[in-house]
Amino acid sequence: MSTHAYVLVVLRTLNEPEEKDYVVALRQKGYRIEFIGAEQDPLPILLTHPPIVACFEYDYPDLQGLTDLRQAKQRAASVPLLMITQAHSESLAVWAFRTRVWDYFVQPVDLARFLGVVGSLYQLRSLSHVTQERKQAPEVLNQIPPEARLRCCPSANSQQLQLERAISYIEQHLHQKLAQAEVAAQCGITSFQLSRLFRKLTGNTFQGFLLERRIDEAKRLLANPRTSVTDVCFSVGFRDLSYFTRTFQKHVGHTPTLYRQTLYVQAPAIESDPMPIPRYEKLTPAHRHPLASGNRQDLPCPQKIQT
């Protein structure tokens, strides 16, 4: 298996891929780069045109993406593999090194170390003039981390259900301190997945969504004049009145007290009675109260009731 003078980038990203800094740095150093998309199998090119190094790029590693890396190492064992990931955990790093990746990088990539690794691999592979035989990597009991298993090809419907579950939990515990990891655990996903879920389906971060929901609920409670600002503060999950006031003013443009006053100023005035009582001076004697004239003759004659 001869080595070809190029670097292979295997994209296993869930989001739309974009050119990263490490790719730009490789080009600036004169390396030729080829890409394998998310739907392509890297094994044929690894076996027929082995590169200097293959970089497996992830944003949020899922079951299929990690399986591809493990199979690549088992089938093309002589090709050095680098794992580059945005989401990181200790268990993921341990899994990567047990799978025998050459090195493990977390984005944003340390470019000096990355270029040093690629440069050393280039020198090592260039010095090898003997055709390397294909060899099978020994099978190692190395289970894929559980957080990656939860990411396997989520459907749009399942993502919507997870979001609804998260929002429902937020609504039920809005008066409490809420941690992102706590809400993620209720949905059976990781904090990374929850953050990505909110960005994708709401256009906002988890913390941004939570804060907007607290402010909206505070505005609703402030419409009740019998509820004190302090009660509103604690009812929507804040634990410091000064911080609540500053945060509310930053997002609404008024302090809670001033906001409440604007609600009353903007309230529509009560309309006058459409049928006002006529002024007493305009009443004719026939309509005046019987005692007003002081004359019993003003009383109307009672009608005789027929029996």
Protein backbone atom coordinates (compact mmCIF):
# COMPACT_ATOMS: atom_id res chain seq x y z
CA MET A 1 0.00 0.00 0.00
CA SER A 2 1.80 3.09 -1.20
CA THR A 3 1.27 6.46 0.40
CA HIS A 4 -0.05 9.38 -1.63
CA ALA A 5 0.96 12.96 -0.78
CA TYR A 6 -2.37 14.34 0.35
CA VAL A 7 -4.48 14.70 3.48
CA LEU A 8 -7.95 13.14 3.54
CA VAL A 9 -10.71 14.90 5.53
CA VAL A 10 -13.64 12.62 6.35
CA LEU A 11 -16.66 14.78 7.23
CA ARG A 12 -18.99 13.23 9.78
CA THR A 13 -20.74 16.43 10.88
CA LEU A 14 -24.45 16.68 11.59
CA ASN A 15 -24.58 20.37 10.67
CA GLU A 16 -23.70 21.83 7.29
CA PRO A 17 -19.92 21.49 6.89
CA GLU A 18 -17.79 24.60 6.66
CA GLU A 19 -14.08 25.00 6.07
CA LYS A 20 -12.25 24.99 9.38
CA ASP A 21 -9.05 26.78 10.39
CA TYR A 22 -7.00 23.59 10.32
CA VAL A 23 -7.93 23.03 6.65
CA VAL A 24 -6.84 26.57 5.77
CA ALA A 25 -3.58 26.03 7.66
CA LEU A 26 -2.90 22.78 5.78
CA ARG A 27 -3.42 24.52 2.45
CA GLN A 28 -1.08 27.31 3.46
CA LYS A 29 1.57 24.68 4.21
CA GLY A 30 1.16 23.26 0.70
CA TYR A 31 -0.75 20.06 1.50
CA ARG A 32 -3.26 18.80 -1.04
CA ILE A 33 -6.61 18.06 0.60
CA GLU A 34 -9.44 15.78 -0.44
CA PHE A 35 -12.83 15.49 1.24
CA ILE A 36 -15.19 12.59 1.87
CA GLY A 37 -18.78 13.68 2.54
CA ALA A 38 -21.10 12.43 5.24
CA GLU A 39 -22.86 9.98 2.93
CA GLN A 40 -19.65 8.55 1.41
CA ASP A 41 -17.71 5.50 2.54
CA PRO A 42 -14.05 6.38 3.18
CA LEU A 43 -12.80 2.78 2.99
CA PRO A 44 -12.36 2.50 -0.81
CA ILE A 45 -10.08 5.53 -1.02
CA LEU A 46 -8.24 4.60 2.18
CA LEU A 47 -7.46 1.18 0.72
CA THR A 48 -6.63 2.19 -2.84
CA HIS A 49 -5.10 5.67 -2.33
CA PRO A 50 -3.94 5.84 1.29
CA PRO A 51 -3.23 9.43 2.38
CA ILE A 52 -0.56 10.82 4.66
CA VAL A 53 -3.24 11.03 7.33
CA ALA A 54 -7.04 10.86 7.47
CA CYS A 55 -8.80 13.46 9.62
CA PHE A 56 -12.24 12.40 10.85
CA GLU A 57 -14.11 15.64 11.59
CA TYR A 58 -17.16 15.73 13.90
CA ASP A 59 -19.31 18.40 15.46
CA TYR A 60 -21.43 16.08 17.63
CA PRO A 61 -20.15 12.51 17.21
CA ASP A 62 -22.92 10.00 16.63
CA LEU A 63 -23.04 6.22 16.53
CA GLN A 64 -22.67 5.91 12.77
CA GLY A 65 -19.83 8.41 12.55
CA LEU A 66 -17.79 6.70 15.28
CA THR A 67 -18.48 3.30 13.75
CA ASP A 68 -17.04 4.57 10.46
CA LEU A 69 -13.84 5.62 12.22
CA ARG A 70 -13.47 2.29 13.97
CA GLN A 71 -14.03 0.32 10.76
CA ALA A 72 -11.54 2.52 8.92
CA LYS A 73 -8.89 1.73 11.52
CA GLN A 74 -9.63 -1.98 11.40
CA ARG A 75 -9.66 -2.24 7.60
CA ALA A 76 -6.89 0.28 6.80
CA ALA A 77 -4.76 -0.08 9.89
CA SER A 78 -1.64 1.47 8.38
CA VAL A 79 -3.30 4.83 7.73
CA PRO A 80 -2.90 7.23 10.68
CA LEU A 81 -6.23 8.67 11.81
CA LEU A 82 -6.81 11.97 13.58
CA MET A 83 -10.10 12.64 15.36
CA ILE A 84 -11.27 16.29 15.37
CA THR A 85 -14.43 17.02 17.32
CA GLN A 86 -16.43 19.94 18.63
CA ALA A 87 -18.31 18.06 21.36
CA HIS A 88 -15.88 16.58 23.85
CA SER A 89 -16.08 14.31 26.84
CA GLU A 90 -13.55 12.24 28.74
CA SER A 91 -15.22 9.00 27.71
CA LEU A 92 -15.10 10.05 24.05
CA ALA A 93 -11.37 10.78 24.25
CA VAL A 94 -10.70 7.44 25.97
CA TRP A 95 -12.70 5.65 23.29
CA ALA A 96 -10.75 7.40 20.52
CA PHE A 97 -7.34 6.41 21.85
CA ARG A 98 -8.47 2.85 22.51
CA THR A 99 -9.55 2.74 18.88
CA ARG A 100 -5.92 3.63 18.11
CA VAL A 101 -6.35 7.05 16.55
CA TRP A 102 -2.99 8.76 16.16
CA ASP A 103 -4.16 11.91 17.96
CA TYR A 104 -7.30 13.60 19.27
CA PHE A 105 -8.16 17.29 18.79
CA VAL A 106 -10.98 19.43 20.17
CA GLN A 107 -12.21 22.40 18.13
CA PRO A 108 -10.98 25.08 17.88
CA VAL A 109 -7.90 23.09 16.93
CA ASP A 110 -4.49 23.95 18.36
CA LEU A 111 -2.95 24.68 14.94
CA ALA A 112 0.68 24.55 16.07
CA ARG A 113 0.28 21.07 17.56
CA PHE A 114 -1.90 19.90 14.67
CA LEU A 115 0.58 21.00 11.98
CA GLY A 116 3.39 19.45 13.99
CA VAL A 117 1.61 16.09 14.06
CA VAL A 118 0.84 16.17 10.33
CA GLY A 119 4.42 17.21 9.54
CA SER A 120 5.89 14.36 11.55
CA LEU A 121 3.54 11.87 9.86
CA TYR A 122 4.54 13.22 6.46
CA GLN A 123 8.21 12.64 7.25
CA LEU A 124 7.59 9.16 8.64
CA ARG A 125 5.55 8.08 5.65
CA SER A 126 7.96 9.62 3.16
CA LEU A 127 10.85 7.64 4.64
CA SER A 128 9.03 4.37 4.09
CA HIS A 129 9.97 3.11 0.62
CA VAL A 130 8.79 -0.40 1.24
CA THR A 131 5.22 -1.18 0.27
CA GLN A 132 3.28 -1.72 3.44
CA GLU A 133 1.05 -4.74 3.63
CA ARG A 134 -2.50 -4.38 4.71
CA LYS A 135 -3.03 -5.59 8.22
CA GLN A 136 -6.02 -6.02 10.42
CA ALA A 137 -6.08 -4.09 13.66
CA PRO A 138 -6.74 -6.37 16.62
CA GLU A 139 -10.30 -6.31 17.83
CA VAL A 140 -10.50 -4.44 21.12
CA LEU A 141 -13.43 -4.46 23.53
CA ASN A 142 -14.12 -0.73 23.25
CA GLN A 143 -17.76 0.26 23.41
CA ILE A 144 -18.83 3.53 21.85
CA PRO A 145 -19.68 6.10 24.57
CA PRO A 146 -23.38 6.09 25.51
CA GLU A 147 -23.79 9.80 24.71
CA ALA A 148 -22.89 9.05 21.09
CA ARG A 149 -25.47 6.28 20.85
CA LEU A 150 -28.23 8.79 21.55
CA ARG A 151 -27.28 10.80 18.51
CA CYS A 152 -27.90 8.15 15.88
CA CYS A 153 -29.83 9.75 13.03
CA PRO A 154 -32.48 11.64 15.01
CA SER A 155 -35.63 12.27 13.01
CA ALA A 156 -37.28 15.67 12.85
CA ASN A 157 -40.27 14.27 14.73
CA SER A 158 -38.17 12.87 17.57
CA GLN A 159 -36.27 16.16 17.85
CA GLN A 160 -39.56 18.07 18.11
CA LEU A 161 -40.74 15.70 20.83
CA GLN A 162 -37.49 16.21 22.75
CA LEU A 163 -37.86 19.98 22.45
CA GLU A 164 -41.45 19.85 23.67
CA ARG A 165 -40.39 17.73 26.63
CA ALA A 166 -37.66 20.23 27.50
CA ILE A 167 -40.03 23.21 27.25
CA SER A 168 -42.63 21.40 29.35
CA TYR A 169 -40.06 20.76 32.06
CA ILE A 170 -38.98 24.41 31.94
CA GLU A 171 -42.58 25.58 32.34
CA GLN A 172 -43.12 23.33 35.35
CA HIS A 173 -39.93 24.48 37.08
CA LEU A 174 -39.71 28.09 35.94
CA HIS A 175 -39.70 29.31 39.55
CA GLN A 176 -36.62 27.21 40.31
CA LYS A 177 -32.96 27.42 39.34
CA LEU A 178 -32.62 25.37 36.15
CA ALA A 179 -29.37 23.90 34.86
CA GLN A 180 -28.97 22.89 31.24
CA ALA A 181 -27.64 19.46 32.25
CA GLU A 182 -30.71 18.90 34.42
CA VAL A 183 -33.13 19.61 31.56
CA ALA A 184 -31.04 17.53 29.15
CA ALA A 185 -31.17 14.56 31.53
CA GLN A 186 -34.97 14.79 31.62
CA CYS A 187 -34.97 14.48 27.82
CA GLY A 188 -32.48 11.62 27.73
CA ILE A 189 -29.85 13.62 25.85
CA THR A 190 -26.60 15.43 26.64
CA SER A 191 -26.11 19.14 27.25
CA PHE A 192 -24.44 19.45 23.85
CA GLN A 193 -27.43 17.85 22.14
CA LEU A 194 -29.88 20.06 24.04
CA SER A 195 -28.00 23.20 23.06
CA ARG A 196 -27.95 22.14 19.42
CA LEU A 197 -31.64 21.21 19.59
CA PHE A 198 -32.67 24.67 20.81
CA ARG A 199 -30.51 26.44 18.22
CA LYS A 200 -31.91 24.33 15.40
CA LEU A 201 -35.61 24.46 16.29
CA THR A 202 -35.97 27.80 18.10
CA GLY A 203 -33.09 29.85 16.72
CA ASN A 204 -32.03 30.59 20.29
CA THR A 205 -29.70 29.06 22.84
CA PHE A 206 -31.07 27.15 25.82
CA GLN A 207 -30.05 29.93 28.23
CA GLY A 208 -31.45 32.60 25.92
CA PHE A 209 -34.77 30.78 25.61
CA LEU A 210 -34.99 30.27 29.38
CA LEU A 211 -34.29 33.93 30.11
CA GLU A 212 -36.88 35.13 27.57
CA ARG A 213 -39.46 32.80 29.11
CA ARG A 214 -38.72 34.16 32.61
CA ILE A 215 -39.07 37.75 31.40
CA ASP A 216 -42.34 37.01 29.57
CA GLU A 217 -43.79 35.39 32.69
CA ALA A 218 -42.64 38.35 34.80
CA LYS A 219 -44.45 40.75 32.45
CA ARG A 220 -47.61 38.69 32.80
CA LEU A 221 -47.44 38.69 36.60
CA LEU A 222 -46.73 42.41 36.75
CA ALA A 223 -50.09 43.08 35.14
CA ASN A 224 -51.64 42.11 38.48
CA PRO A 225 -51.34 45.21 40.74
CA ARG A 226 -51.73 43.08 43.87
CA THR A 227 -48.52 41.15 43.17
CA SER A 228 -45.36 42.81 44.49
CA VAL A 229 -42.24 43.09 42.36
CA THR A 230 -40.39 40.96 44.89
CA ASP A 231 -42.95 38.17 44.56
CA VAL A 232 -42.69 38.36 40.77
CA CYS A 233 -38.91 38.14 41.01
CA PHE A 234 -38.94 34.90 42.97
CA SER A 235 -41.89 33.45 41.06
CA VAL A 236 -39.97 33.44 37.79
CA GLY A 237 -36.77 31.88 39.11
CA PHE A 238 -34.62 34.87 40.08
CA ARG A 239 -33.01 34.87 43.52
CA ASP A 240 -31.77 38.46 43.63
CA LEU A 241 -34.12 41.42 43.28
CA SER A 242 -31.41 43.80 42.04
CA TYR A 243 -30.27 41.36 39.38
CA PHE A 244 -33.87 40.76 38.33
CA THR A 245 -34.47 44.51 38.01
CA ARG A 246 -31.33 45.03 35.90
CA THR A 247 -32.08 42.05 33.67
CA PHE A 248 -35.71 43.05 33.19
CA GLN A 249 -34.73 46.63 32.29
CA LYS A 250 -32.11 45.37 29.83
CA HIS A 251 -34.64 43.27 27.92
CA VAL A 252 -37.82 45.35 28.30
CA GLY A 253 -36.47 48.89 28.46
CA HIS A 254 -38.11 49.70 31.82
CA THR A 255 -37.68 48.59 35.38
CA PRO A 256 -40.47 46.28 36.61
CA THR A 257 -42.11 49.15 38.50
CA LEU A 258 -42.06 51.52 35.53
CA TYR A 259 -43.28 48.75 33.24
CA ARG A 260 -46.27 48.22 35.53
CA GLN A 261 -47.02 51.94 35.47
CA THR A 262 -46.98 51.98 31.66
CA LEU A 263 -49.64 49.27 31.70
CA TYR A 264 -51.98 51.54 33.65
CA VAL A 265 -51.21 54.60 31.56
CA GLN A 266 -51.94 52.71 28.37
CA ALA A 267 -55.16 51.21 29.72
CA PRO A 268 -58.23 52.58 27.86
CA ALA A 269 -60.34 55.10 29.77
CA ILE A 270 -63.71 53.93 31.01
CA GLU A 271 -66.43 55.22 28.72
CA SER A 272 -69.09 57.49 30.18
CA ASP A 273 -72.57 56.17 30.72
CA PRO A 274 -74.28 56.16 27.32
CA MET A 275 -77.58 57.04 29.03
CA PRO A 276 -76.82 59.80 31.58
CA ILE A 277 -79.43 60.70 34.14
CA PRO A 278 -81.18 63.98 33.09
CA ARG A 279 -80.38 67.00 35.19
CA TYR A 280 -83.00 67.78 37.81
CA GLU A 281 -83.60 71.26 36.43
CA LYS A 282 -84.75 69.85 33.11
CA LEU A 283 -87.39 67.63 34.59
CA THR A 284 -90.99 68.75 34.08
CA PRO A 285 -93.31 68.82 37.09
CA ALA A 286 -94.93 65.64 35.85
CA HIS A 287 -91.55 63.86 36.22
CA ARG A 288 -90.38 65.36 39.48
CA HIS A 289 -90.23 63.33 42.62
CA PRO A 290 -93.58 63.59 44.48
CA LEU A 291 -91.97 65.15 47.55
CA ALA A 292 -89.98 67.71 45.61
CA SER A 293 -92.86 70.17 45.27
CA GLY A 294 -94.12 69.75 48.82
CA ASN A 295 -97.68 69.48 47.44
CA ARG A 296 -99.61 66.28 47.80
CA GLN A 297 -101.69 67.26 44.78
CA ASP A 298 -98.70 66.48 42.62
CA LEU A 299 -99.19 62.83 43.48
CA PRO A 300 -100.84 60.88 40.69
CA CYS A 301 -104.26 59.54 41.50
CA PRO A 302 -104.18 55.86 42.30
CA GLN A 303 -106.22 53.70 40.01
CA LYS A 304 -108.97 51.62 41.45
CA ILE A 305 -108.16 47.96 41.38
CA GLN A 306 -110.96 45.88 39.94
CA THR A 307 -111.71 42.80 42.00
